[in-house]
Structures are given as C-alpha cells and as structure tokens.
Amino acid sequence: MAENNKDLKQLKIKTAALKRIQKEFFGYQKEELKQNERIQKLKDQNADEADIKKQEEVLQETVQMYPNIIGRLVESVTELQGWLDGKINDPLIDTSDEKTKALEAIVEAQEFLVANNPAQ
C-alpha cells in the first residue's frame, strides 16, 4: 500500500511538472508582448538607439527560450506517458483521479505542441 501511495505522489509530481512547463511558456509569451510594447514605446518617444538596441537584445533572449521550453515539454510528456505505460496494470493508478488528470495534461500538452511547435 505504501508503494501505491508513493506511485500516486509520483504521478501527481510528474503531472504538475508538465503543467508548470506549459505555464512557463505562457509567461515567456507575456514577457515577449511586454517587451515588444516597451520597444515600440521607446521608438515612438525617439529614445536613444542604444536603449532601443538593449531592449531588443532582451527581447531576443526571451524568444530564444522557446526551443528550450518546447524541448522540456516534449521530454515531460514522453516521461509521463512512459511512466503511465509502466503502471498499466496497477489498479490503484488505473482508477485514480490522478491518472485522469495526467492523461488530460498529456492531451493538452500535445495539442499545445502542435499549435506552438513549428518543427512538428
């Protein structure tokens, strides 16, 4: 029984990690929008070219995070799916709400990847 509780906890952790990575992507998208607005505001105010260039560098650093996040998301989906596949005959896992949440998170992440990953 203790092993099963440990498995449920592990499933919960893996599912939360998957969701957290997606949330991180959205955070970078928001930051990208804000940064674009800052740059446009600086341009509209005829700010110093060096200031604009620095803000464009910050924007580029933000955009460069996307491939890393996508890679980690793919890895997390694969890991969670593999973990679930390894527990296919575990009645406690099969009937748990955590498994349902995990499967929903996997589907959501796969749809997200299709929509946000031009490499696929």
PDB file of N, CA and C in Angstrom:
ATOM      1  N   MET A   1       0.823  -1.198   0.000  1.00  0.00           N
ATOM      2  CA  MET A   1       0.000   0.000   0.000  1.00  0.00           C
ATOM      3  C   MET A   1       0.864   1.258   0.000  1.00  0.00           C
ATOM      4  N   ALA A   2       1.940   1.235   0.767  1.00  0.00           N
ATOM      5  CA  ALA A   2       2.835   2.394   0.809  1.00  0.00           C
ATOM      6  C   ALA A   2       3.434   2.673  -0.559  1.00  0.00           C
ATOM      7  N   GLU A   3       3.732   1.602  -1.289  1.00  0.00           N
ATOM      8  CA  GLU A   3       4.279   1.752  -2.639  1.00  0.00           C
ATOM      9  C   GLU A   3       3.267   2.446  -3.551  1.00  0.00           C
ATOM     10  N   ASN A   4       1.993   2.089  -3.416  1.00  0.00           N
ATOM     11  CA  ASN A   4       0.963   2.693  -4.243  1.00  0.00           C
ATOM     12  C   ASN A   4       0.799   4.176  -3.942  1.00  0.00           C
ATOM     13  N   ASN A   5       0.849   4.540  -2.646  1.00  0.00           N
ATOM     14  CA  ASN A   5       0.776   5.952  -2.282  1.00  0.00           C
ATOM     15  C   ASN A   5       1.962   6.711  -2.868  1.00  0.00           C
ATOM     16  N   LYS A   6       3.119   6.068  -2.854  1.00  0.00           N
ATOM     17  CA  LYS A   6       4.318   6.654  -3.433  1.00  0.00           C
ATOM     18  C   LYS A   6       4.124   6.851  -4.942  1.00  0.00           C
ATOM     19  N   ASP A   7       3.512   5.876  -5.584  1.00  0.00           N
ATOM     20  CA  ASP A   7       3.242   5.972  -7.024  1.00  0.00           C
ATOM     21  C   ASP A   7       2.266   7.105  -7.333  1.00  0.00           C
ATOM     22  N   LEU A   8       1.221   7.229  -6.527  1.00  0.00           N
ATOM     23  CA  LEU A   8       0.259   8.319  -6.740  1.00  0.00           C
ATOM     24  C   LEU A   8       0.934   9.678  -6.555  1.00  0.00           C
ATOM     25  N   LYS A   9       1.795   9.761  -5.575  1.00  0.00           N
ATOM     26  CA  LYS A   9       2.519  11.009  -5.339  1.00  0.00           C
ATOM     27  C   LYS A   9       3.429  11.316  -6.528  1.00  0.00           C
ATOM     28  N   GLN A  10       4.105  10.301  -7.017  1.00  0.00           N
ATOM     29  CA  GLN A  10       4.984  10.464  -8.180  1.00  0.00           C
ATOM     30  C   GLN A  10       4.190  10.915  -9.405  1.00  0.00           C
ATOM     31  N   LEU A  11       3.023  10.336  -9.591  1.00  0.00           N
ATOM     32  CA  LEU A  11       2.160  10.711 -10.719  1.00  0.00           C
ATOM     33  C   LEU A  11       1.737  12.174 -10.596  1.00  0.00           C
ATOM     34  N   LYS A  12       1.398  12.565  -9.400  1.00  0.00           N
ATOM     35  CA  LYS A  12       0.982  13.954  -9.149  1.00  0.00           C
ATOM     36  C   LYS A  12       2.131  14.920  -9.456  1.00  0.00           C
ATOM     37  N   ILE A  13       3.325  14.557  -9.051  1.00  0.00           N
ATOM     38  CA  ILE A  13       4.509  15.391  -9.285  1.00  0.00           C
ATOM     39  C   ILE A  13       4.791  15.522 -10.777  1.00  0.00           C
ATOM     40  N   LYS A  14       4.755  14.410 -11.489  1.00  0.00           N
ATOM     41  CA  LYS A  14       5.034  14.436 -12.926  1.00  0.00           C
ATOM     42  C   LYS A  14       3.986  15.247 -13.688  1.00  0.00           C
ATOM     43  N   THR A  15       2.738  15.137 -13.284  1.00  0.00           N
ATOM     44  CA  THR A  15       1.665  15.895 -13.928  1.00  0.00           C
ATOM     45  C   THR A  15       1.842  17.390 -13.658  1.00  0.00           C
ATOM     46  N   ALA A  16       2.166  17.733 -12.430  1.00  0.00           N
ATOM     47  CA  ALA A  16       2.375  19.141 -12.071  1.00  0.00           C
ATOM     48  C   ALA A  16       3.564  19.727 -12.834  1.00  0.00           C
ATOM     49  N   ALA A  17       4.602  18.943 -13.023  1.00  0.00           N
ATOM     50  CA  ALA A  17       5.771  19.417 -13.766  1.00  0.00           C
ATOM     51  C   ALA A  17       5.405  19.722 -15.210  1.00  0.00           C
ATOM     52  N   LEU A  18       4.617  18.870 -15.798  1.00  0.00           N
ATOM     53  CA  LEU A  18       4.166  19.076 -17.176  1.00  0.00           C
ATOM     54  C   LEU A  18       3.371  20.381 -17.291  1.00  0.00           C
ATOM     55  N   LYS A  19       2.464  20.590 -16.382  1.00  0.00           N
ATOM     56  CA  LYS A  19       1.652  21.810 -16.399  1.00  0.00           C
ATOM     57  C   LYS A  19       2.511  23.050 -16.148  1.00  0.00           C
ATOM     58  N   ARG A  20       3.487  22.923 -15.273  1.00  0.00           N
ATOM     59  CA  ARG A  20       4.365  24.050 -14.937  1.00  0.00           C
ATOM     60  C   ARG A  20       5.189  24.489 -16.154  1.00  0.00           C
ATOM     61  N   ILE A  21       5.631  23.539 -16.945  1.00  0.00           N
ATOM     62  CA  ILE A  21       6.412  23.871 -18.139  1.00  0.00           C
ATOM     63  C   ILE A  21       5.540  24.640 -19.138  1.00  0.00           C
ATOM     64  N   GLN A  22       4.306  24.211 -19.310  1.00  0.00           N
ATOM     65  CA  GLN A  22       3.402  24.945 -20.194  1.00  0.00           C
ATOM     66  C   GLN A  22       3.170  26.361 -19.679  1.00  0.00           C
ATOM     67  N   LYS A  23       2.983  26.483 -18.392  1.00  0.00           N
ATOM     68  CA  LYS A  23       2.756  27.793 -17.782  1.00  0.00           C
ATOM     69  C   LYS A  23       3.977  28.692 -18.007  1.00  0.00           C
ATOM     70  N   GLU A  24       5.155  28.107 -17.930  1.00  0.00           N
ATOM     71  CA  GLU A  24       6.388  28.858 -18.169  1.00  0.00           C
ATOM     72  C   GLU A  24       6.402  29.425 -19.597  1.00  0.00           C
ATOM     73  N   PHE A  25       5.960  28.620 -20.556  1.00  0.00           N
ATOM     74  CA  PHE A  25       5.901  29.073 -21.947  1.00  0.00           C
ATOM     75  C   PHE A  25       4.993  30.296 -22.050  1.00  0.00           C
ATOM     76  N   PHE A  26       3.835  30.232 -21.406  1.00  0.00           N
ATOM     77  CA  PHE A  26       2.901  31.353 -21.448  1.00  0.00           C
ATOM     78  C   PHE A  26       3.504  32.597 -20.797  1.00  0.00           C
ATOM     79  N   GLY A  27       4.277  32.400 -19.754  1.00  0.00           N
ATOM     80  CA  GLY A  27       4.953  33.518 -19.107  1.00  0.00           C
ATOM     81  C   GLY A  27       5.930  34.201 -20.051  1.00  0.00           C
ATOM     82  N   TYR A  28       6.655  33.415 -20.818  1.00  0.00           N
ATOM     83  CA  TYR A  28       7.584  33.990 -21.787  1.00  0.00           C
ATOM     84  C   TYR A  28       6.832  34.690 -22.916  1.00  0.00           C
ATOM     85  N   GLN A  29       5.676  34.159 -23.300  1.00  0.00           N
ATOM     86  CA  GLN A  29       4.874  34.846 -24.315  1.00  0.00           C
ATOM     87  C   GLN A  29       4.429  36.218 -23.818  1.00  0.00           C
ATOM     88  N   LYS A  30       3.984  36.280 -22.568  1.00  0.00           N
ATOM     89  CA  LYS A  30       3.575  37.562 -21.989  1.00  0.00           C
ATOM     90  C   LYS A  30       4.763  38.525 -21.950  1.00  0.00           C
ATOM     91  N   GLU A  31       5.910  38.009 -21.543  1.00  0.00           N
ATOM     92  CA  GLU A  31       7.110  38.845 -21.477  1.00  0.00           C
ATOM     93  C   GLU A  31       7.478  39.357 -22.869  1.00  0.00           C
ATOM     94  N   GLU A  32       7.333  38.517 -23.875  1.00  0.00           N
ATOM     95  CA  GLU A  32       7.635  38.936 -25.247  1.00  0.00           C
ATOM     96  C   GLU A  32       6.711  40.081 -25.671  1.00  0.00           C
ATOM     97  N   LEU A  33       5.428  39.959 -25.364  1.00  0.00           N
ATOM     98  CA  LEU A  33       4.491  41.027 -25.705  1.00  0.00           C
ATOM     99  C   LEU A  33       4.847  42.329 -24.990  1.00  0.00           C
ATOM    100  N   LYS A  34       5.139  42.241 -23.706  1.00  0.00           N
ATOM    101  CA  LYS A  34       5.521  43.434 -22.938  1.00  0.00           C
ATOM    102  C   LYS A  34       6.785  44.070 -23.501  1.00  0.00           C
ATOM    103  N   GLN A  35       7.734  43.228 -23.853  1.00  0.00           N
ATOM    104  CA  GLN A  35       8.998  43.735 -24.373  1.00  0.00           C
ATOM    105  C   GLN A  35       8.784  44.423 -25.719  1.00  0.00           C
ATOM    106  N   ASN A  36       7.948  43.849 -26.563  1.00  0.00           N
ATOM    107  CA  ASN A  36       7.629  44.486 -27.846  1.00  0.00           C
ATOM    108  C   ASN A  36       6.969  45.845 -27.623  1.00  0.00           C
ATOM    109  N   GLU A  37       6.091  45.914 -26.632  1.00  0.00           N
ATOM    110  CA  GLU A  37       5.441  47.190 -26.309  1.00  0.00           C
ATOM    111  C   GLU A  37       6.467  48.211 -25.823  1.00  0.00           C
ATOM    112  N   ARG A  38       7.414  47.776 -24.985  1.00  0.00           N
ATOM    113  CA  ARG A  38       8.469  48.677 -24.496  1.00  0.00           C
ATOM    114  C   ARG A  38       9.286  49.231 -25.657  1.00  0.00           C
ATOM    115  N   ILE A  39       9.650  48.334 -26.557  1.00  0.00           N
ATOM    116  CA  ILE A  39      10.462  48.746 -27.707  1.00  0.00           C
ATOM    117  C   ILE A  39       9.693  49.751 -28.557  1.00  0.00           C
ATOM    118  N   GLN A  40       8.432  49.459 -28.800  1.00  0.00           N
ATOM    119  CA  GLN A  40       7.631  50.369 -29.618  1.00  0.00           C
ATOM    120  C   GLN A  40       7.486  51.727 -28.935  1.00  0.00           C
ATOM    121  N   LYS A  41       7.292  51.704 -27.628  1.00  0.00           N
ATOM    122  CA  LYS A  41       7.170  52.951 -26.871  1.00  0.00           C
ATOM    123  C   LYS A  41       8.460  53.767 -26.963  1.00  0.00           C
ATOM    124  N   LEU A  42       9.603  53.090 -26.832  1.00  0.00           N
ATOM    125  CA  LEU A  42      10.883  53.782 -26.956  1.00  0.00           C
ATOM    126  C   LEU A  42      11.049  54.393 -28.346  1.00  0.00           C
ATOM    127  N   LYS A  43      10.655  53.637 -29.362  1.00  0.00           N
ATOM    128  CA  LYS A  43      10.755  54.145 -30.735  1.00  0.00           C
ATOM    129  C   LYS A  43       9.835  55.342 -30.936  1.00  0.00           C
ATOM    130  N   ASP A  44       8.624  55.253 -30.399  1.00  0.00           N
ATOM    131  CA  ASP A  44       7.672  56.361 -30.520  1.00  0.00           C
ATOM    132  C   ASP A  44       8.174  57.616 -29.816  1.00  0.00           C
ATOM    133  N   GLN A  45       8.939  57.434 -28.754  1.00  0.00           N
ATOM    134  CA  GLN A  45       9.481  58.563 -27.992  1.00  0.00           C
ATOM    135  C   GLN A  45      10.835  59.022 -28.526  1.00  0.00           C
ATOM    136  N   ASN A  46      11.246  58.431 -29.642  1.00  0.00           N
ATOM    137  CA  ASN A  46      12.557  58.744 -30.233  1.00  0.00           C
ATOM    138  C   ASN A  46      13.679  58.594 -29.197  1.00  0.00           C
ATOM    139  N   ALA A  47      13.643  57.496 -28.480  1.00  0.00           N
ATOM    140  CA  ALA A  47      14.648  57.223 -27.452  1.00  0.00           C
ATOM    141  C   ALA A  47      15.999  56.963 -28.095  1.00  0.00           C
ATOM    142  N   ASP A  48      17.002  56.969 -27.268  1.00  0.00           N
ATOM    143  CA  ASP A  48      18.361  56.716 -27.708  1.00  0.00           C
ATOM    144  C   ASP A  48      18.449  55.336 -28.372  1.00  0.00           C
ATOM    145  N   GLU A  49      19.158  55.255 -29.462  1.00  0.00           N
ATOM    146  CA  GLU A  49      19.305  53.993 -30.212  1.00  0.00           C
ATOM    147  C   GLU A  49      19.901  52.893 -29.338  1.00  0.00           C
ATOM    148  N   ALA A  50      20.804  53.247 -28.450  1.00  0.00           N
ATOM    149  CA  ALA A  50      21.426  52.244 -27.568  1.00  0.00           C
ATOM    150  C   ALA A  50      20.387  51.629 -26.629  1.00  0.00           C
ATOM    151  N   ASP A  51      19.461  52.448 -26.142  1.00  0.00           N
ATOM    152  CA  ASP A  51      18.401  51.937 -25.266  1.00  0.00           C
ATOM    153  C   ASP A  51      17.482  50.979 -26.025  1.00  0.00           C
ATOM    154  N   ILE A  52      17.156  51.359 -27.240  1.00  0.00           N
ATOM    155  CA  ILE A  52      16.293  50.507 -28.077  1.00  0.00           C
ATOM    156  C   ILE A  52      17.010  49.190 -28.368  1.00  0.00           C
ATOM    157  N   LYS A  53      18.267  49.291 -28.731  1.00  0.00           N
ATOM    158  CA  LYS A  53      19.044  48.091 -29.050  1.00  0.00           C
ATOM    159  C   LYS A  53      19.121  47.150 -27.838  1.00  0.00           C
ATOM    160  N   LYS A  54      19.318  47.716 -26.650  1.00  0.00           N
ATOM    161  CA  LYS A  54      19.393  46.898 -25.436  1.00  0.00           C
ATOM    162  C   LYS A  54      18.067  46.172 -25.194  1.00  0.00           C
ATOM    163  N   GLN A  55      16.964  46.863 -25.388  1.00  0.00           N
ATOM    164  CA  GLN A  55      15.650  46.246 -25.204  1.00  0.00           C
ATOM    165  C   GLN A  55      15.395  45.170 -26.261  1.00  0.00           C
ATOM    166  N   GLU A  56      15.900  45.379 -27.455  1.00  0.00           N
ATOM    167  CA  GLU A  56      15.778  44.349 -28.497  1.00  0.00           C
ATOM    168  C   GLU A  56      16.599  43.116 -28.145  1.00  0.00           C
ATOM    169  N   GLU A  57      17.738  43.319 -27.485  1.00  0.00           N
ATOM    170  CA  GLU A  57      18.542  42.182 -27.018  1.00  0.00           C
ATOM    171  C   GLU A  57      17.782  41.392 -25.950  1.00  0.00           C
ATOM    172  N   VAL A  58      17.121  42.114 -25.056  1.00  0.00           N
ATOM    173  CA  VAL A  58      16.320  41.457 -24.018  1.00  0.00           C
ATOM    174  C   VAL A  58      15.200  40.652 -24.674  1.00  0.00           C
ATOM    175  N   LEU A  59      14.572  41.230 -25.673  1.00  0.00           N
ATOM    176  CA  LEU A  59      13.519  40.527 -26.415  1.00  0.00           C
ATOM    177  C   LEU A  59      14.076  39.255 -27.055  1.00  0.00           C
ATOM    178  N   GLN A  60      15.224  39.359 -27.663  1.00  0.00           N
ATOM    179  CA  GLN A  60      15.828  38.195 -28.324  1.00  0.00           C
ATOM    180  C   GLN A  60      16.132  37.084 -27.319  1.00  0.00           C
ATOM    181  N   GLU A  61      16.596  37.464 -26.126  1.00  0.00           N
ATOM    182  CA  GLU A  61      16.868  36.462 -25.088  1.00  0.00           C
ATOM    183  C   GLU A  61      15.585  35.741 -24.672  1.00  0.00           C
ATOM    184  N   THR A  62      14.505  36.482 -24.624  1.00  0.00           N
ATOM    185  CA  THR A  62      13.212  35.892 -24.270  1.00  0.00           C
ATOM    186  C   THR A  62      12.780  34.894 -25.348  1.00  0.00           C
ATOM    187  N   VAL A  63      12.866  35.313 -26.593  1.00  0.00           N
ATOM    188  CA  VAL A  63      12.437  34.463 -27.712  1.00  0.00           C
ATOM    189  C   VAL A  63      13.305  33.207 -27.806  1.00  0.00           C
ATOM    190  N   GLN A  64      14.559  33.326 -27.451  1.00  0.00           N
ATOM    191  CA  GLN A  64      15.462  32.177 -27.528  1.00  0.00           C
ATOM    192  C   GLN A  64      15.123  31.091 -26.519  1.00  0.00           C
ATOM    193  N   MET A  65      14.276  31.395 -25.560  1.00  0.00           N
ATOM    194  CA  MET A  65      13.886  30.401 -24.557  1.00  0.00           C
ATOM    195  C   MET A  65      12.854  29.405 -25.098  1.00  0.00           C
ATOM    196  N   TYR A  66      12.127  29.784 -26.130  1.00  0.00           N
ATOM    197  CA  TYR A  66      11.057  28.918 -26.635  1.00  0.00           C
ATOM    198  C   TYR A  66      11.521  27.511 -27.012  1.00  0.00           C
ATOM    199  N   PRO A  67      12.588  27.354 -27.795  1.00  0.00           N
ATOM    200  CA  PRO A  67      13.009  25.978 -28.140  1.00  0.00           C
ATOM    201  C   PRO A  67      13.348  25.134 -26.905  1.00  0.00           C
ATOM    202  N   ASN A  68      13.971  25.756 -25.910  1.00  0.00           N
ATOM    203  CA  ASN A  68      14.301  25.042 -24.682  1.00  0.00           C
ATOM    204  C   ASN A  68      13.036  24.560 -23.982  1.00  0.00           C
ATOM    205  N   ILE A  69      12.059  25.435 -23.877  1.00  0.00           N
ATOM    206  CA  ILE A  69      10.815  25.078 -23.194  1.00  0.00           C
ATOM    207  C   ILE A  69      10.078  23.994 -23.972  1.00  0.00           C
ATOM    208  N   ILE A  70      10.027  24.125 -25.276  1.00  0.00           N
ATOM    209  CA  ILE A  70       9.363  23.114 -26.112  1.00  0.00           C
ATOM    210  C   ILE A  70      10.047  21.762 -25.922  1.00  0.00           C
ATOM    211  N   GLY A  71      11.367  21.755 -25.916  1.00  0.00           N
ATOM    212  CA  GLY A  71      12.110  20.509 -25.710  1.00  0.00           C
ATOM    213  C   GLY A  71      11.811  19.876 -24.360  1.00  0.00           C
ATOM    214  N   ARG A  72      11.761  20.709 -23.324  1.00  0.00           N
ATOM    215  CA  ARG A  72      11.453  20.187 -21.991  1.00  0.00           C
ATOM    216  C   ARG A  72      10.017  19.687 -21.915  1.00  0.00           C
ATOM    217  N   LEU A  73       9.115  20.344 -22.636  1.00  0.00           N
ATOM    218  CA  LEU A  73       7.719  19.914 -22.649  1.00  0.00           C
ATOM    219  C   LEU A  73       7.583  18.557 -23.342  1.00  0.00           C
ATOM    220  N   VAL A  74       8.252  18.397 -24.463  1.00  0.00           N
ATOM    221  CA  VAL A  74       8.229  17.111 -25.167  1.00  0.00           C
ATOM    222  C   VAL A  74       8.793  16.019 -24.265  1.00  0.00           C
ATOM    223  N   GLU A  75       9.885  16.317 -23.605  1.00  0.00           N
ATOM    224  CA  GLU A  75      10.516  15.357 -22.695  1.00  0.00           C
ATOM    225  C   GLU A  75       9.579  14.993 -21.541  1.00  0.00           C
ATOM    226  N   SER A  76       8.898  15.981 -21.002  1.00  0.00           N
ATOM    227  CA  SER A  76       7.992  15.744 -19.876  1.00  0.00           C
ATOM    228  C   SER A  76       6.789  14.901 -20.297  1.00  0.00           C
ATOM    229  N   VAL A  77       6.251  15.172 -21.477  1.00  0.00           N
ATOM    230  CA  VAL A  77       5.129  14.367 -21.993  1.00  0.00           C
ATOM    231  C   VAL A  77       5.575  12.921 -22.168  1.00  0.00           C
ATOM    232  N   THR A  78       6.733  12.736 -22.778  1.00  0.00           N
ATOM    233  CA  THR A  78       7.262  11.390 -23.015  1.00  0.00           C
ATOM    234  C   THR A  78       7.493  10.657 -21.700  1.00  0.00           C
ATOM    235  N   GLU A  79       8.072  11.363 -20.733  1.00  0.00           N
ATOM    236  CA  GLU A  79       8.351  10.749 -19.434  1.00  0.00           C
ATOM    237  C   GLU A  79       7.054  10.348 -18.718  1.00  0.00           C
ATOM    238  N   LEU A  80       6.081  11.248 -18.699  1.00  0.00           N
ATOM    239  CA  LEU A  80       4.821  10.955 -18.022  1.00  0.00           C
ATOM    240  C   LEU A  80       4.078   9.813 -18.712  1.00  0.00           C
ATOM    241  N   GLN A  81       4.043   9.838 -20.037  1.00  0.00           N
ATOM    242  CA  GLN A  81       3.362   8.766 -20.773  1.00  0.00           C
ATOM    243  C   GLN A  81       4.059   7.434 -20.530  1.00  0.00           C
ATOM    244  N   GLY A  82       5.375   7.438 -20.548  1.00  0.00           N
ATOM    245  CA  GLY A  82       6.128   6.208 -20.288  1.00  0.00           C
ATOM    246  C   GLY A  82       5.897   5.687 -18.878  1.00  0.00           C
ATOM    247  N   TRP A  83       5.839   6.595 -17.918  1.00  0.00           N
ATOM    248  CA  TRP A  83       5.588   6.202 -16.537  1.00  0.00           C
ATOM    249  C   TRP A  83       4.204   5.567 -16.425  1.00  0.00           C
ATOM    250  N   LEU A  84       3.217   6.190 -17.056  1.00  0.00           N
ATOM    251  CA  LEU A  84       1.857   5.622 -17.024  1.00  0.00           C
ATOM    252  C   LEU A  84       1.808   4.261 -17.710  1.00  0.00           C
ATOM    253  N   ASP A  85       2.513   4.142 -18.819  1.00  0.00           N
ATOM    254  CA  ASP A  85       2.551   2.851 -19.527  1.00  0.00           C
ATOM    255  C   ASP A  85       3.141   1.754 -18.644  1.00  0.00           C
ATOM    256  N   GLY A  86       4.105   2.126 -17.823  1.00  0.00           N
ATOM    257  CA  GLY A  86       4.724   1.162 -16.910  1.00  0.00           C
ATOM    258  C   GLY A  86       3.817   0.757 -15.752  1.00  0.00           C
ATOM    259  N   LYS A  87       2.775   1.521 -15.525  1.00  0.00           N
ATOM    260  CA  LYS A  87       1.841   1.241 -14.420  1.00  0.00           C
ATOM    261  C   LYS A  87       0.482   0.785 -14.953  1.00  0.00           C
ATOM    262  N   ILE A  88       0.456   0.270 -16.162  1.00  0.00           N
ATOM    263  CA  ILE A  88      -0.804  -0.049 -16.836  1.00  0.00           C
ATOM    264  C   ILE A  88      -1.661  -1.069 -16.085  1.00  0.00           C
ATOM    265  N   ASN A  89      -1.066  -1.964 -15.359  1.00  0.00           N
ATOM    266  CA  ASN A  89      -1.835  -2.982 -14.645  1.00  0.00           C
ATOM    267  C   ASN A  89      -1.979  -2.694 -13.153  1.00  0.00           C
ATOM    268  N   ASP A  90      -1.688  -1.490 -12.760  1.00  0.00           N
ATOM    269  CA  ASP A  90      -1.800  -1.107 -11.357  1.00  0.00           C
ATOM    270  C   ASP A  90      -3.223  -0.588 -11.114  1.00  0.00           C
ATOM    271  N   PRO A  91      -4.047  -1.358 -10.379  1.00  0.00           N
ATOM    272  CA  PRO A  91      -5.446  -0.964 -10.201  1.00  0.00           C
ATOM    273  C   PRO A  91      -5.623   0.368  -9.474  1.00  0.00           C
ATOM    274  N   LEU A  92      -4.742   0.667  -8.538  1.00  0.00           N
ATOM    275  CA  LEU A  92      -4.859   1.939  -7.822  1.00  0.00           C
ATOM    276  C   LEU A  92      -4.602   3.117  -8.759  1.00  0.00           C
ATOM    277  N   ILE A  93      -3.614   2.986  -9.607  1.00  0.00           N
ATOM    278  CA  ILE A  93      -3.311   4.048 -10.569  1.00  0.00           C
ATOM    279  C   ILE A  93      -4.410   4.138 -11.616  1.00  0.00           C
ATOM    280  N   ASP A  94      -4.817   2.987 -12.155  1.00  0.00           N
ATOM    281  CA  ASP A  94      -5.827   2.968 -13.229  1.00  0.00           C
ATOM    282  C   ASP A  94      -7.150   3.606 -12.818  1.00  0.00           C
ATOM    283  N   THR A  95      -7.519   3.508 -11.558  1.00  0.00           N
ATOM    284  CA  THR A  95      -8.812   4.029 -11.119  1.00  0.00           C
ATOM    285  C   THR A  95      -8.694   5.381 -10.409  1.00  0.00           C
ATOM    286  N   SER A  96      -7.526   5.970 -10.419  1.00  0.00           N
ATOM    287  CA  SER A  96      -7.321   7.211  -9.668  1.00  0.00           C
ATOM    288  C   SER A  96      -7.694   8.454 -10.480  1.00  0.00           C
ATOM    289  N   ASP A  97      -8.080   9.474  -9.748  1.00  0.00           N
ATOM    290  CA  ASP A  97      -8.321  10.779 -10.373  1.00  0.00           C
ATOM    291  C   ASP A  97      -7.021  11.343 -10.919  1.00  0.00           C
ATOM    292  N   GLU A  98      -5.915  10.999 -10.268  1.00  0.00           N
ATOM    293  CA  GLU A  98      -4.611  11.498 -10.711  1.00  0.00           C
ATOM    294  C   GLU A  98      -4.275  11.011 -12.118  1.00  0.00           C
ATOM    295  N   LYS A  99      -4.651   9.782 -12.428  1.00  0.00           N
ATOM    296  CA  LYS A  99      -4.391   9.280 -13.783  1.00  0.00           C
ATOM    297  C   LYS A  99      -5.224  10.056 -14.789  1.00  0.00           C
ATOM    298  N   THR A 100      -6.462  10.328 -14.452  1.00  0.00           N
ATOM    299  CA  THR A 100      -7.328  11.108 -15.339  1.00  0.00           C
ATOM    300  C   THR A 100      -6.719  12.488 -15.575  1.00  0.00           C
ATOM    301  N   LYS A 101      -6.264  13.125 -14.508  1.00  0.00           N
ATOM    302  CA  LYS A 101      -5.638  14.445 -14.630  1.00  0.00           C
ATOM    303  C   LYS A 101      -4.368  14.368 -15.474  1.00  0.00           C
ATOM    304  N   ALA A 102      -3.599  13.317 -15.286  1.00  0.00           N
ATOM    305  CA  ALA A 102      -2.364  13.152 -16.048  1.00  0.00           C
ATOM    306  C   ALA A 102      -2.660  12.979 -17.536  1.00  0.00           C
ATOM    307  N   LEU A 103      -3.642  12.160 -17.846  1.00  0.00           N
ATOM    308  CA  LEU A 103      -3.997  11.949 -19.260  1.00  0.00           C
ATOM    309  C   LEU A 103      -4.522  13.231 -19.890  1.00  0.00           C
ATOM    310  N   GLU A 104      -5.300  13.985 -19.139  1.00  0.00           N
ATOM    311  CA  GLU A 104      -5.790  15.273 -19.641  1.00  0.00           C
ATOM    312  C   GLU A 104      -4.622  16.228 -19.885  1.00  0.00           C
ATOM    313  N   ALA A 105      -3.661  16.241 -18.976  1.00  0.00           N
ATOM    314  CA  ALA A 105      -2.488  17.107 -19.119  1.00  0.00           C
ATOM    315  C   ALA A 105      -1.663  16.706 -20.343  1.00  0.00           C
ATOM    316  N   ILE A 106      -1.557  15.414 -20.587  1.00  0.00           N
ATOM    317  CA  ILE A 106      -0.815  14.931 -21.758  1.00  0.00           C
ATOM    318  C   ILE A 106      -1.505  15.389 -23.036  1.00  0.00           C
ATOM    319  N   VAL A 107      -2.818  15.204 -23.114  1.00  0.00           N
ATOM    320  CA  VAL A 107      -3.567  15.612 -24.307  1.00  0.00           C
ATOM    321  C   VAL A 107      -3.438  17.119 -24.520  1.00  0.00           C
ATOM    322  N   GLU A 108      -3.591  17.877 -23.441  1.00  0.00           N
ATOM    323  CA  GLU A 108      -3.477  19.333 -23.526  1.00  0.00           C
ATOM    324  C   GLU A 108      -2.085  19.745 -24.016  1.00  0.00           C
ATOM    325  N   ALA A 109      -1.064  19.105 -23.484  1.00  0.00           N
ATOM    326  CA  ALA A 109       0.308  19.424 -23.877  1.00  0.00           C
ATOM    327  C   ALA A 109       0.564  19.048 -25.335  1.00  0.00           C
ATOM    328  N   GLN A 110       0.034  17.915 -25.765  1.00  0.00           N
ATOM    329  CA  GLN A 110       0.220  17.510 -27.163  1.00  0.00           C
ATOM    330  C   GLN A 110      -0.470  18.495 -28.111  1.00  0.00           C
ATOM    331  N   GLU A 111      -1.653  18.934 -27.754  1.00  0.00           N
ATOM    332  CA  GLU A 111      -2.354  19.937 -28.568  1.00  0.00           C
ATOM    333  C   GLU A 111      -1.571  21.249 -28.572  1.00  0.00           C
ATOM    334  N   PHE A 112      -1.057  21.610 -27.426  1.00  0.00           N
ATOM    335  CA  PHE A 112      -0.241  22.818 -27.309  1.00  0.00           C
ATOM    336  C   PHE A 112       0.981  22.718 -28.202  1.00  0.00           C
ATOM    337  N   LEU A 113       1.652  21.566 -28.194  1.00  0.00           N
ATOM    338  CA  LEU A 113       2.847  21.379 -29.004  1.00  0.00           C
ATOM    339  C   LEU A 113       2.526  21.491 -30.499  1.00  0.00           C
ATOM    340  N   VAL A 114       1.419  20.922 -30.905  1.00  0.00           N
ATOM    341  CA  VAL A 114       1.023  21.009 -32.312  1.00  0.00           C
ATOM    342  C   VAL A 114       0.801  22.471 -32.706  1.00  0.00           C
ATOM    343  N   ALA A 115       0.166  23.226 -31.814  1.00  0.00           N
ATOM    344  CA  ALA A 115      -0.153  24.627 -32.094  1.00  0.00           C
ATOM    345  C   ALA A 115       1.056  25.550 -31.998  1.00  0.00           C
ATOM    346  N   ASN A 116       2.054  25.207 -31.174  1.00  0.00           N
ATOM    347  CA  ASN A 116       3.157  26.130 -30.895  1.00  0.00           C
ATOM    348  C   ASN A 116       4.528  25.652 -31.322  1.00  0.00           C
ATOM    349  N   ASN A 117       4.611  24.513 -31.943  1.00  0.00           N
ATOM    350  CA  ASN A 117       5.920  23.995 -32.332  1.00  0.00           C
ATOM    351  C   ASN A 117       5.972  23.819 -33.847  1.00  0.00           C
ATOM    352  N   PRO A 118       6.563  24.789 -34.524  1.00  0.00           N
ATOM    353  CA  PRO A 118       6.628  24.709 -35.987  1.00  0.00           C
ATOM    354  C   PRO A 118       7.438  23.531 -36.502  1.00  0.00           C
ATOM    355  N   ALA A 119       8.260  22.932 -35.646  1.00  0.00           N
ATOM    356  CA  ALA A 119       9.087  21.794 -36.067  1.00  0.00           C
ATOM    357  C   ALA A 119       8.280  20.527 -36.261  1.00  0.00           C
ATOM    358  N   GLN A 120       7.043  20.500 -35.714  1.00  0.00           N
ATOM    359  CA  GLN A 120       6.244  19.282 -35.836  1.00  0.00           C
ATOM    360  C   GLN A 120       5.343  19.345 -37.040  1.00  0.00           C
TER     361      GLN A 120
END
